[in-house]
Protein backbone atom coordinates (compact mmCIF):
# COMPACT_ATOMS: atom_id res chain seq x y z
CA MET A 1 79.53 149.62 -151.26
CA ARG A 2 75.87 149.55 -150.25
CA LEU A 3 73.43 147.61 -152.43
CA ILE A 4 69.95 149.04 -152.76
CA GLN A 5 67.24 146.74 -153.99
CA PHE A 6 64.25 147.97 -155.95
CA VAL A 7 60.86 146.45 -156.68
CA PRO A 8 60.42 146.20 -160.47
CA ASP A 9 56.64 146.76 -160.35
CA ASP A 10 57.15 149.95 -158.35
CA ILE A 11 59.67 151.21 -160.92
CA LEU A 12 57.35 150.32 -163.80
CA ARG A 13 54.44 152.15 -162.18
CA VAL A 14 56.50 155.31 -161.60
CA VAL A 15 57.90 155.26 -165.13
CA MET A 16 54.42 154.60 -166.56
CA TYR A 17 53.23 157.88 -165.07
CA LEU A 18 56.35 159.62 -166.39
CA PHE A 19 55.62 158.36 -169.92
CA TRP A 20 52.00 159.46 -169.55
CA GLU A 21 53.07 162.93 -168.48
CA LYS A 22 55.86 163.55 -171.00
CA GLY A 23 55.27 160.99 -173.74
CA TYR A 24 57.79 158.50 -175.07
CA ALA A 25 59.80 161.02 -177.09
CA GLY A 26 59.76 163.58 -174.28
CA THR A 27 61.14 161.19 -171.67
CA SER A 28 64.86 160.57 -171.47
CA MET A 29 66.67 157.79 -169.64
CA ASP A 30 68.27 160.50 -167.50
CA GLU A 31 64.76 161.60 -166.40
CA ILE A 32 63.87 157.98 -165.64
CA VAL A 33 67.02 157.67 -163.52
CA GLU A 34 66.27 160.94 -161.72
CA THR A 35 62.62 160.01 -161.10
CA THR A 36 63.25 156.45 -159.93
CA GLN A 37 66.47 157.24 -158.03
CA VAL A 38 67.92 153.98 -159.38
CA ASN A 39 71.39 153.80 -160.90
CA LYS A 40 71.32 154.06 -164.70
CA GLN A 41 73.33 150.88 -165.21
CA SER A 42 70.98 148.96 -162.91
CA LEU A 43 67.99 150.13 -164.94
CA TYR A 44 69.67 149.15 -168.21
CA ASN A 45 70.67 145.76 -166.80
CA PHE A 46 67.17 144.98 -165.56
CA PHE A 47 64.85 146.73 -168.05
CA GLY A 48 67.01 147.26 -171.14
CA ASP A 49 67.06 150.37 -173.29
CA LYS A 50 64.31 153.00 -173.40
CA LYS A 51 62.28 151.14 -176.03
CA SER A 52 62.42 147.88 -174.04
CA PHE A 53 61.53 149.81 -170.90
CA PHE A 54 58.52 151.35 -172.65
CA LEU A 55 57.32 147.96 -173.90
CA LYS A 56 57.62 146.54 -170.36
CA VAL A 57 55.62 149.50 -169.06
CA LEU A 58 52.90 148.81 -171.67
CA TYR A 59 52.78 145.13 -170.69
CA PHE A 60 52.66 146.09 -167.01
CA TYR A 61 49.75 148.45 -167.70
CA PHE A 62 47.90 145.77 -169.67
CA GLU A 63 48.40 143.12 -166.96
CA ASP A 64 47.41 145.53 -164.18
CA THR A 65 44.29 146.65 -166.06
CA MET A 66 43.26 143.08 -166.93
CA ALA A 67 43.59 142.04 -163.27
CA VAL A 68 41.15 144.80 -162.29
CA VAL A 69 38.73 143.84 -165.07
CA GLN A 70 38.83 140.16 -164.07
CA GLU A 71 38.21 141.08 -160.45
CA ILE A 72 35.18 143.15 -161.43
CA LEU A 73 33.80 140.39 -163.63
CA SER A 74 34.14 137.65 -161.03
């Protein structure tokens, strides 16, 4: 069995765009699996269910945006 590692921030960024495009209700975990090409169980183990995933995406967006704002201000 071959183990494939993924970078969580890369997954969050890809899924963030998916949520933007289709909305929360319009995005299924199957679409997230298809888009990220990461095993469904691995996604559930690392990110949790769809709601937890969405909340992590929101936090990721906030942190990423705040880093840009801080860079501009300094």
